[in-house]
Protein backbone atom coordinates (compact mmCIF):
# COMPACT_ATOMS: atom_id res chain seq x y z
CA SER A 1 126.61 86.53 125.62
CA LYS A 2 127.59 83.12 126.77
CA TYR A 3 125.86 81.71 123.54
CA TYR A 4 128.93 83.95 121.54
CA ARG A 5 131.61 82.15 119.57
CA THR A 6 133.90 83.40 117.18
CA THR A 7 137.17 81.24 115.71
CA CYS A 8 139.45 84.19 116.49
CA HIS A 9 139.25 87.78 117.64
CA ASP A 10 140.08 89.74 114.42
CA SER A 11 136.86 88.55 112.99
CA LEU A 12 135.25 89.54 116.00
CA TYR A 13 137.41 92.75 115.83
CA ARG A 14 136.19 93.69 111.67
CA GLU A 15 132.27 93.07 113.15
CA LEU A 16 132.62 95.40 116.03
CA THR A 17 134.08 97.65 113.98
CA LYS A 18 131.52 97.66 111.15
CA LEU A 19 128.74 98.16 114.45
CA THR A 20 130.57 101.56 115.32
CA VAL A 21 130.70 103.01 111.62
CA LYS A 22 126.94 104.87 110.82
CA TYR A 23 125.75 104.48 107.66
CA THR A 24 126.43 108.22 107.32
CA ASP A 25 129.86 108.00 108.18
CA SER A 26 132.98 106.86 106.25
CA LEU A 27 135.33 104.90 107.65
CA ILE A 28 139.05 106.90 107.41
CA LYS A 29 141.43 104.25 109.09
CA VAL A 30 141.50 101.48 111.15
CA ASP A 31 144.61 101.05 113.01
CA THR A 32 145.34 98.08 115.47
CA ILE A 33 147.19 99.10 118.78
CA ASP A 34 148.61 98.13 122.00
CA MET A 35 147.12 99.10 125.41
CA ASN A 36 147.92 97.97 128.41
CA GLY A 37 149.41 95.26 126.91
CA LYS A 38 145.97 94.45 125.21
CA LYS A 39 145.47 94.62 121.59
CA ALA A 40 142.89 96.64 120.78
CA LEU A 41 141.81 98.80 117.26
CA GLU A 42 141.33 102.16 116.59
CA VAL A 43 138.90 103.94 114.64
CA LEU A 44 138.90 106.98 112.67
CA THR A 45 135.25 108.23 111.03
CA GLU A 46 134.16 111.45 109.45
CA ASN A 47 130.79 112.21 108.65
CA LYS A 48 129.93 112.30 105.21
CA ALA A 49 127.50 115.45 105.36
CA THR A 50 128.92 117.84 108.09
CA LYS A 51 132.90 116.10 107.87
CA GLU A 52 133.03 115.89 111.46
CA GLN A 53 135.21 113.30 112.53
CA ARG A 54 135.31 111.02 115.64
CA ARG A 55 137.75 108.95 116.96
CA LYS A 56 137.30 105.75 119.00
CA ARG A 57 139.00 103.09 120.49
CA ILE A 58 138.13 99.20 120.92
CA ILE A 59 138.89 96.46 123.06
CA ILE A 60 138.14 92.97 123.61
CA ASP A 61 139.02 91.71 127.18
CA GLU A 62 137.91 87.92 127.94
CA GLY A 63 134.44 87.98 127.56
CA ASP A 64 133.87 92.12 127.97
CA VAL A 65 133.91 94.70 125.13
CA PHE A 66 134.74 98.15 125.80
CA VAL A 67 134.42 100.89 123.32
CA LEU A 68 136.11 104.48 124.06
CA GLN A 69 134.74 107.76 122.13
CA SER A 70 134.96 111.84 122.67
CA PHE A 71 133.28 114.29 121.00
CA ASN A 72 136.24 116.88 120.13
CA ALA A 73 136.90 119.28 117.59
CA ARG A 74 139.07 117.57 114.91
CA GLU A 75 141.77 119.55 115.98
CA GLN A 76 141.73 118.27 119.73
CA LEU A 77 141.18 114.57 118.53
CA PHE A 78 145.12 113.65 119.14
CA ASN A 79 145.98 116.34 121.05
CA ASP A 80 147.66 114.98 124.53
CA GLU A 81 144.65 115.74 126.70
CA SER A 82 142.92 113.30 124.14
CA ASN A 83 145.98 110.77 123.91
CA THR A 84 145.62 110.68 127.77
CA PHE A 85 141.97 109.61 127.54
CA TYR A 86 142.71 106.72 124.55
CA SER A 87 145.14 105.29 126.85
CA SER A 88 143.89 105.39 129.92
CA PHE A 89 142.20 101.83 129.92
CA ALA A 90 142.78 99.59 132.83
CA ARG A 91 140.19 96.91 134.23
CA THR A 92 139.56 97.27 138.36
CA GLY A 93 138.29 93.78 138.44
CA PRO A 94 138.25 90.36 137.00
CA GLY A 95 136.69 89.89 133.70
CA THR A 96 133.87 88.20 132.23
CA LYS A 97 135.34 84.42 131.31
CA ILE A 98 134.15 83.16 128.30
CA ASP A 99 135.65 80.87 125.53
CA LEU A 100 135.27 82.48 122.57
CA ALA A 101 135.92 79.69 120.43
CA SER A 102 134.44 76.56 121.81
CA SER A 103 130.85 74.86 120.60
CA LYS A 104 128.16 76.50 122.56
CA ALA A 105 125.41 74.27 120.49
CA ALA A 106 124.63 72.04 123.51
CA GLY A 107 124.20 74.88 125.79
CA ILE A 108 121.86 76.53 123.14
CA ALA A 109 119.84 73.02 123.31
CA ALA A 110 119.93 72.72 126.96
CA GLY A 111 118.76 76.17 127.11
CA LEU A 112 116.17 75.60 124.78
CA ARG A 113 114.68 73.01 127.25
CA SER A 114 114.81 75.12 130.67
CA GLY A 115 111.48 75.84 132.00
CA ASP A 116 112.84 79.11 133.12
CA THR A 117 111.46 81.74 130.28
CA THR A 118 114.50 84.23 130.65
CA THR A 119 116.74 80.75 130.22
CA PHE A 120 114.68 80.21 127.06
CA LEU A 121 114.14 83.09 125.52
CA ASP A 122 118.15 83.96 125.55
CA ALA A 123 118.82 80.50 124.15
CA LYS A 124 116.67 81.17 121.26
CA GLY A 125 117.95 84.81 120.92
CA ALA A 126 121.30 82.99 120.22
CA LEU A 127 120.13 81.38 117.09
CA GLY A 128 119.87 84.68 115.62
CA TYR A 129 123.49 85.20 115.79
CA TYR A 130 124.89 81.56 116.30
CA THR A 131 126.28 79.84 113.25
CA PHE A 132 126.40 76.00 113.87
CA THR A 133 128.98 74.02 112.46
CA ARG A 134 128.92 70.38 110.57
CA ASP A 135 130.05 68.87 113.83
CA GLU A 136 126.95 70.10 115.60
CA LEU A 137 124.43 68.43 113.34
CA PRO A 138 123.55 66.16 116.41
CA ASP A 139 122.59 68.72 118.47
CA ILE A 140 120.20 70.21 116.35
CA TYR A 141 118.91 66.77 115.68
CA SER A 142 118.47 66.57 119.31
CA ALA A 143 117.05 70.03 119.81
CA ILE A 144 114.13 69.38 116.96
CA GLN A 145 112.73 66.62 118.82
CA TYR A 146 111.34 68.73 122.04
CA SER A 147 108.19 70.34 121.79
CA TYR A 148 108.32 73.96 122.90
CA PRO A 149 106.38 77.00 124.48
CA ASP A 150 106.15 78.84 120.86
CA ASP A 151 105.81 75.62 118.89
CA THR A 152 102.75 77.04 117.03
CA SER A 153 104.30 80.23 116.16
CA SER A 154 105.33 80.98 112.88
CA TYR A 155 109.21 82.33 114.31
CA SER A 156 109.22 79.19 116.68
CA ALA A 157 112.32 78.18 118.24
CA ARG A 158 111.99 74.67 116.57
CA SER A 159 111.22 76.60 113.19
CA ILE A 160 114.59 78.65 113.35
CA LEU A 161 116.39 75.46 114.43
CA ILE A 162 114.73 73.00 111.10
CA GLU A 163 116.08 76.68 109.19
CA LYS A 164 119.53 75.66 109.68
CA LEU A 165 119.52 72.45 107.98
CA ARG A 166 119.02 73.93 104.76
CA ASP A 167 122.50 75.28 104.34
CA LEU A 168 123.73 72.20 107.20
CA HIS A 169 122.96 69.22 106.49
CA ASP A 170 124.12 65.31 105.65
CA SER A 171 122.59 62.22 104.33
CA THR A 172 120.49 61.72 106.96
CA THR A 173 118.86 64.73 107.05
CA LEU A 174 115.84 64.32 104.34
CA SER A 175 115.06 60.84 106.18
CA ARG A 176 115.14 62.24 109.81
CA LEU A 177 112.72 65.73 108.66
CA GLU A 178 110.38 63.08 107.34
CA THR A 179 110.06 61.18 110.66
CA LEU A 180 109.63 64.37 112.33
CA TYR A 181 106.69 65.33 109.70
CA GLY A 182 104.69 62.39 110.83
CA GLY A 183 104.55 63.18 114.25
CA LEU A 184 104.03 66.96 113.59
CA HIS A 185 100.49 66.66 114.99
CA ASP A 186 98.12 70.27 114.80
CA LYS A 187 101.45 72.32 114.57
CA ASP A 188 101.32 73.30 110.64
CA GLU A 189 103.82 75.87 111.12
CA LEU A 190 106.26 73.75 111.73
CA LYS A 191 105.45 71.23 109.09
CA SER A 192 105.48 73.78 106.60
CA THR A 193 108.85 75.10 107.53
CA VAL A 194 109.93 71.10 107.03
CA LEU A 195 108.15 70.76 103.82
CA SER A 196 110.05 74.32 102.72
CA ILE A 197 113.58 72.55 103.12
CA MET A 198 113.18 68.98 102.60
CA PRO A 199 114.65 70.20 98.68
CA ALA A 200 117.72 71.86 100.13
CA THR A 201 118.72 68.98 101.90
CA ASP A 202 118.97 66.25 99.17
CA SER A 203 119.38 67.34 95.57
CA ILE A 204 117.86 63.86 94.18
CA LYS A 205 115.45 62.85 96.41
CA GLY A 206 114.82 65.97 98.31
CA TYR A 207 111.88 67.68 95.64
CA ASP A 208 109.91 63.71 95.50
CA ALA A 209 110.11 64.02 99.28
CA TYR A 210 109.05 67.47 99.22
CA PHE A 211 106.14 67.22 96.70
CA LYS A 212 104.44 63.72 97.81
CA LEU A 213 103.65 65.42 101.40
CA PHE A 214 102.66 68.43 99.75
CA THR A 215 100.11 66.24 97.87
CA SER A 216 99.13 63.69 100.76
CA ASP A 217 99.74 65.66 103.56
CA ARG A 218 99.19 68.93 103.34
CA PRO A 219 99.41 71.42 106.36
CA VAL A 220 95.92 72.43 106.92
CA LYS A 221 96.50 76.17 107.94
CA ALA A 222 100.21 77.61 107.50
CA ASN A 223 102.09 80.39 105.89
CA GLY A 224 101.01 79.38 102.08
CA TYR A 225 105.08 81.48 100.74
CA THR A 226 106.80 78.83 102.69
CA ILE A 227 104.78 75.78 101.84
CA PHE A 228 104.99 76.87 98.17
CA ARG A 229 108.94 77.66 98.35
CA PRO A 230 110.34 75.28 96.77
CA LEU A 231 108.26 75.22 93.42
CA TYR A 232 108.75 78.67 93.24
CA ASP A 233 112.45 78.16 93.35
CA SER A 234 112.10 75.07 90.82
CA LEU A 235 109.25 76.67 88.64
CA GLU A 236 110.53 73.85 85.95
CA TYR A 237 109.74 71.39 88.14
CA ALA A 238 106.23 73.01 89.07
CA ALA A 239 105.67 73.05 85.38
CA ALA A 240 106.22 69.68 84.93
CA HIS A 241 103.75 68.57 88.04
CA PHE A 242 101.32 71.25 87.90
CA GLN A 243 98.46 69.00 86.44
CA GLN A 244 98.98 67.42 90.24
CA ILE A 245 99.18 70.69 91.53
CA VAL A 246 96.15 72.53 90.33
CA PRO A 247 93.42 70.34 92.29
CA VAL A 248 94.90 72.03 95.59
CA MET A 249 93.03 75.13 94.06
CA ALA A 250 90.13 74.17 96.01
CA ASP A 251 91.44 75.09 99.42
CA SER A 252 91.09 78.70 99.36
CA ASN A 253 94.08 79.12 101.73
CA TYR A 254 96.17 78.03 99.00
CA ARG A 255 94.42 79.45 96.09
CA LYS A 256 96.86 82.65 95.95
CA ASN A 257 100.21 80.79 95.70
CA ILE A 258 99.06 78.97 92.85
CA LEU A 259 97.64 81.73 90.71
CA GLN A 260 101.29 83.22 91.64
CA LEU A 261 102.99 80.13 90.79
CA ALA A 262 101.14 79.88 87.02
CA SER A 263 102.03 83.74 87.04
CA ASP A 264 105.33 83.07 87.66
CA ILE A 265 105.19 80.22 85.26
CA ALA A 266 103.85 82.40 82.42
CA ILE A 267 106.65 85.13 82.53
CA LEU A 268 109.35 82.35 81.84
CA ASP A 269 107.45 83.00 78.35
CA LYS A 270 108.60 78.85 77.34
CA GLU A 271 106.50 77.84 74.68
CA SER A 272 105.96 74.67 75.87
CA TYR A 273 104.53 75.90 79.17
CA THR A 274 101.37 77.87 76.86
CA THR A 275 99.51 73.86 76.64
CA ILE A 276 99.99 73.80 80.52
CA LEU A 277 98.34 77.02 81.27
CA ARG A 278 95.76 76.92 78.42
CA ASN A 279 94.58 73.43 79.59
CA ASN A 280 94.06 75.30 83.14
CA PHE A 281 92.90 78.67 82.21
CA GLY A 282 89.29 78.29 83.34
CA VAL A 283 90.34 76.97 87.00
CA LEU A 284 93.10 79.70 86.95
CA THR A 285 90.99 82.43 86.16
CA ALA A 286 87.40 81.34 87.51
CA GLU A 287 86.98 83.47 90.09
CA ALA A 288 89.44 86.67 87.91
CA MET A 289 86.02 88.65 87.36
CA ASP A 290 84.40 88.07 90.80
CA GLU A 291 87.41 89.65 92.21
CA ILE A 292 88.08 92.83 90.56
CA LYS A 293 84.19 93.46 91.06
CA HIS A 294 84.28 92.81 94.53
CA TYR A 295 87.57 94.70 94.78
CA ILE A 296 86.26 98.06 93.11
CA ALA A 297 82.80 97.97 94.92
CA ASN A 298 84.95 97.90 97.93
CA LYS A 299 85.89 101.86 98.37
CA ASP A 300 88.15 101.06 101.73
CA SER A 301 90.86 98.11 99.84
CA ASN A 302 91.82 100.83 97.08
CA LYS A 303 94.97 101.26 99.02
CA TYR A 304 95.72 97.12 98.82
CA GLU A 305 95.39 96.56 95.22
CA TYR A 306 98.71 94.50 95.16
CA GLY A 307 97.33 92.09 97.50
CA THR A 308 94.69 91.21 94.52
CA GLY A 309 95.56 88.64 92.17
CA THR A 310 95.39 91.03 89.11
CA TYR A 311 98.76 90.92 88.21
CA SER A 312 98.83 87.31 88.02
CA TYR A 313 95.74 86.59 86.16
CA LEU A 314 97.31 89.71 83.59
CA ASN A 315 100.36 87.47 83.22
CA ILE A 316 98.86 84.33 82.29
CA MET A 317 96.59 86.20 80.28
CA LYS A 318 99.13 87.30 78.32
CA MET A 319 100.63 83.57 78.20
CA VAL A 320 97.59 82.58 76.50
CA LYS A 321 96.74 84.54 73.94
CA GLY A 322 92.97 84.48 72.87
CA GLU A 323 90.64 83.66 75.29
CA PRO A 324 87.62 85.38 75.15
CA LEU A 325 88.15 86.12 79.53
CA THR A 326 91.14 88.58 78.72
CA ASN A 327 89.19 91.33 76.74
CA THR A 328 86.28 91.43 79.41
CA TYR A 329 88.88 91.41 82.51
CA THR A 330 91.38 94.05 80.92
CA ASN A 331 88.78 96.57 79.25
CA TYR A 332 86.85 96.09 82.92
CA TYR A 333 89.96 97.23 84.59
CA ILE A 334 90.96 99.98 82.13
CA THR A 335 87.53 101.22 82.68
CA HIS A 336 86.71 101.02 86.09
CA LEU A 337 90.44 101.61 87.43
CA PRO A 338 92.36 104.12 85.16
CA LYS A 339 94.37 105.30 87.35
CA GLY A 340 94.97 101.55 88.86
CA VAL A 341 98.52 100.53 89.61
CA PHE A 342 98.41 97.54 87.41
CA LEU A 343 97.27 99.65 84.30
CA ALA A 344 99.77 99.60 82.12
CA ASP A 345 99.96 95.92 82.74
CA ALA A 346 96.31 95.86 81.27
CA VAL A 347 97.24 97.67 78.44
CA THR A 348 100.17 95.31 77.44
CA THR A 349 98.10 92.50 78.16
CA ARG A 350 96.23 93.64 75.29
CA ILE A 351 98.34 94.65 72.95
CA SER A 352 100.12 91.01 73.47
CA ASN A 353 96.47 89.29 72.09
CA SER A 354 95.42 92.34 70.01
CA LEU A 355 93.04 93.82 70.94
CA PRO A 356 92.19 97.40 70.29
CA VAL A 357 93.60 100.61 73.26
CA SER A 358 92.65 103.67 72.75
CA GLN A 359 95.43 106.19 71.01
CA THR A 360 94.89 108.67 73.88
CA LEU A 361 95.72 106.22 76.94
CA ILE A 362 98.65 104.81 74.84
CA SER A 363 99.80 107.97 74.68
CA ARG A 364 99.63 109.08 78.29
CA LEU A 365 101.44 105.44 79.16
CA LEU A 366 104.43 106.38 76.85
CA ASP A 367 104.51 109.73 78.38
CA SER A 368 105.68 108.71 81.37
CA LEU A 369 109.06 107.13 81.87
CA GLY A 370 107.14 104.76 84.63
CA THR A 371 105.40 103.20 82.01
CA ARG A 372 107.07 103.87 78.72
CA TYR A 373 109.22 100.78 78.60
CA GLU A 374 106.55 98.69 79.03
CA ILE A 375 104.23 99.37 76.43
CA MET A 376 107.47 99.91 73.74
CA GLU A 377 108.19 96.30 75.15
CA ALA A 378 104.64 95.18 73.86
CA TYR A 379 104.57 96.78 70.95
CA TYR A 380 108.15 95.06 70.00
CA HIS A 381 107.30 91.49 70.85
CA LYS A 382 104.30 92.09 67.92
CA ASN A 383 106.64 93.16 65.93
CA GLN A 384 104.59 96.78 66.05
CA LEU A 385 107.53 98.68 67.73
CA SER A 386 106.55 101.74 64.88
CA SER A 387 103.56 102.11 66.62
CA VAL A 388 105.56 104.24 69.08
CA PRO A 389 106.19 107.52 68.25
CA LEU A 390 109.75 108.51 66.31
CA LYS A 391 110.56 110.67 69.53
CA TYR A 392 110.95 107.78 72.14
CA ARG A 393 112.73 105.20 70.05
CA ALA A 394 115.37 107.81 69.35
CA GLN A 395 118.49 106.33 71.13
CA SER A 396 119.43 108.84 73.20
CA GLU A 397 115.67 109.10 74.84
CA PHE A 398 115.99 104.90 74.65
CA GLY A 399 119.26 104.97 76.75
CA ARG A 400 117.18 107.54 78.99
CA LEU A 401 114.39 105.52 79.13
CA CYS A 402 116.75 102.22 80.34
CA LEU A 403 119.18 104.09 82.71
CA TYR A 404 115.56 105.07 84.86
CA LYS A 405 114.32 101.47 84.85
CA GLU A 406 117.71 100.68 85.85
CA ILE A 407 118.04 102.39 88.76
CA GLU A 408 114.72 102.14 89.18
CA SER A 409 114.66 98.24 89.60
CA SER A 410 117.97 97.84 91.69
CA ASP A 411 117.63 96.35 94.89
CA ASP A 412 118.89 99.76 96.83
CA ASP A 413 115.43 100.67 98.16
CA TYR A 414 116.41 104.35 96.71
CA GLY A 415 113.30 104.50 94.32
CA ALA A 416 113.09 105.72 90.87
CA PRO A 417 115.68 108.78 89.74
CA GLU A 418 114.17 112.40 88.99
CA LYS A 419 115.45 114.53 86.65
CA VAL A 420 117.25 112.03 83.74
CA THR A 421 118.69 114.82 81.15
CA LEU A 422 121.13 113.91 78.62
CA LEU A 423 124.26 115.20 79.07
CA GLY A 424 125.83 114.07 75.68
CA SER A 425 127.31 111.16 73.89
CA ILE A 426 130.98 109.32 73.65
CA LEU A 427 132.14 107.32 70.88
CA ASP A 428 133.85 104.10 72.17
CA SER A 429 135.09 101.16 70.17
CA GLY A 430 132.70 102.05 67.52
CA SER A 431 129.81 102.31 69.70
CA VAL A 432 127.45 104.68 70.81
CA TYR A 433 127.12 105.68 74.89
CA TYR A 434 125.03 108.01 76.32
CA ALA A 435 125.88 110.25 79.48
CA TYR A 436 122.99 111.82 81.59
CA SER A 437 122.90 113.21 84.92
CA PHE A 438 119.79 112.83 87.66
CA LYS A 439 119.12 113.25 90.81
CA SER A 440 118.21 110.59 93.76
CA PRO A 441 116.58 112.45 96.47
CA ASP A 442 116.07 109.71 98.57
CA ARG A 443 119.52 108.31 98.39
CA GLU A 444 121.39 111.98 98.66
CA SER A 445 119.12 115.24 98.77
CA GLY A 446 120.68 118.30 96.49
CA THR A 447 123.16 115.80 94.66
CA THR A 448 123.14 115.62 91.34
CA PHE A 449 124.61 111.82 89.90
CA ILE A 450 125.77 110.74 86.30
CA GLY A 451 125.43 107.39 84.31
CA ILE A 452 125.35 105.77 81.12
CA ALA A 453 123.45 104.04 78.71
CA GLY A 454 124.67 101.55 76.10
CA PRO A 455 126.37 100.73 73.45
CA PHE A 456 124.41 101.87 70.39
CA LYS A 457 125.27 101.30 67.04
CA PRO A 458 125.78 104.54 65.64
CA GLY A 459 122.43 105.30 63.54
CA SER A 460 120.79 101.82 64.06
CA ALA A 461 117.37 102.29 64.67
CA ALA A 462 117.62 98.59 66.38
CA LEU A 463 116.72 98.70 69.88
CA ASN A 464 117.22 96.02 72.41
CA PHE A 465 114.56 94.95 74.83
CA LYS A 466 116.45 91.94 76.32
CA ARG A 467 118.17 94.23 78.96
CA TYR A 468 118.63 98.09 79.96
CA ASN A 469 122.32 97.93 79.12
CA ALA A 470 122.75 101.23 81.81
CA TYR A 471 124.92 101.83 84.96
CA THR A 472 125.31 104.42 87.32
CA VAL A 473 128.12 103.97 90.91
CA TYR A 474 126.09 107.29 91.85
CA GLU A 475 128.73 109.59 91.83
CA ALA A 476 128.30 113.31 91.76
CA LYS A 477 128.27 114.77 88.12
CA LYS A 478 131.82 116.67 87.96
CA GLN A 479 132.64 119.78 85.52
CA ASN A 480 133.94 117.01 83.37
CA TRP A 481 131.44 114.41 82.77
CA ILE A 482 132.96 113.29 79.62
CA LYS A 483 136.05 111.87 81.94
CA GLN A 484 133.63 110.50 84.09
CA ALA A 485 131.37 108.69 81.70
CA LYS A 486 134.59 107.26 79.41
CA ALA A 487 135.64 105.67 83.33
CA MET A 488 132.13 103.93 83.39
CA ILE A 489 132.05 102.17 80.04
CA PRO A 490 134.48 99.21 81.03
CA ASP A 491 131.90 98.33 84.29
CA LEU A 492 129.08 98.96 82.26
CA LYS A 493 130.31 96.11 79.72
CA ALA A 494 131.76 94.14 82.70
CA SER A 495 127.95 94.37 84.16
CA TYR A 496 126.25 92.98 81.10
CA ASP A 497 129.00 90.62 79.74
CA ILE A 498 129.15 93.00 77.05
CA LYS A 499 132.29 91.89 74.56
């Protein structure tokens, strides 16, 4: 692309190497070579499953990129025929001229202003990969003053440009955004983008400028998350100004956003926030019963339970204890949604409020690794952990649960583990660590992995609910699992800052 920019060929080569290596492959080696006087890379990869190897060469020649690849048996990868092929690169005509290191900001801005649709889209596409620098801020400031054909879109060219100012700004950015905001009539998506980045552009004045516009000239209809993002990012600021935020609930467009904000504040579990939520409990939960009844009555909506305010209501009810609605709401949920996705949350809300719960239901939730931790934690915070059967409180069983939760809650999108099985224990520096095998079909079907949990004090009944203290590198379990487990202990300690 004529808009592409890189400071050096080496960084471009690194990016191209990443693109040529599939997620199913392992990178065996990367060598820098000379091809007819031009620098090139030779890349060797191996398929993780089939062990098939691929040889590739990548050449950057002015504005063009060439990739040479062949499909050979392993013994043919470096024979005379292959070597001849991989050494055969030669141009038959002039290359594409491009100055890779020069600024393309002015060119992108000009392309956006073009009346030609193709030119406009090419320039807009460049915003997805072009990295602006501080000296190019004038080009951004100039570009955001213009109106573009897609201004009403939530992913408009101007929204993307304005978003660039979140990380790239100077002492004038905030005032420029305030001026721009005043002129964005009937362009609510753009106004929400401007609002969302104001606090990021000025650590001292940004939040107050944002909040002034939020409470006086809020977009009529736009993406609620974008508008509320600064408040989600600074719950302390949100809590301090919550009384001014609550009236916005009268606007149905943003009711769920404020409910989520209250829920996030409740999760912080700070005693100083209890009064804030208690004083507004009635307003926050005014529609709770009507909403749950409507959801249950509408059978077609069953698969969209995450779209309801149930989770937020329950978090608020856990924080603000003793409200009569809590008993009514949670009992109604448990009765009418015995297999609901928030069943465990409804039960823990009742436990935290000292409300009775069927022992049969408690036993069912404790029997599942997917819900056991939350039930045990609720009893722990009520100083009633003895209500949980002893078999679940054993160190090795609690360690198994913690490893399950650690994997389930990770950001790798591979889901919960299966068949988490105790292998045994290891003593290290006077503490006990437990090792487990487990399966992760979404990651690698058929492979048995190893993980650990700890440390535990020998013979102690104390359990740590502050963090999971479990660890895995998704390494396949070997016959000498003890050696593997011991090798992971230092990394577990470092991961959780255990001294």
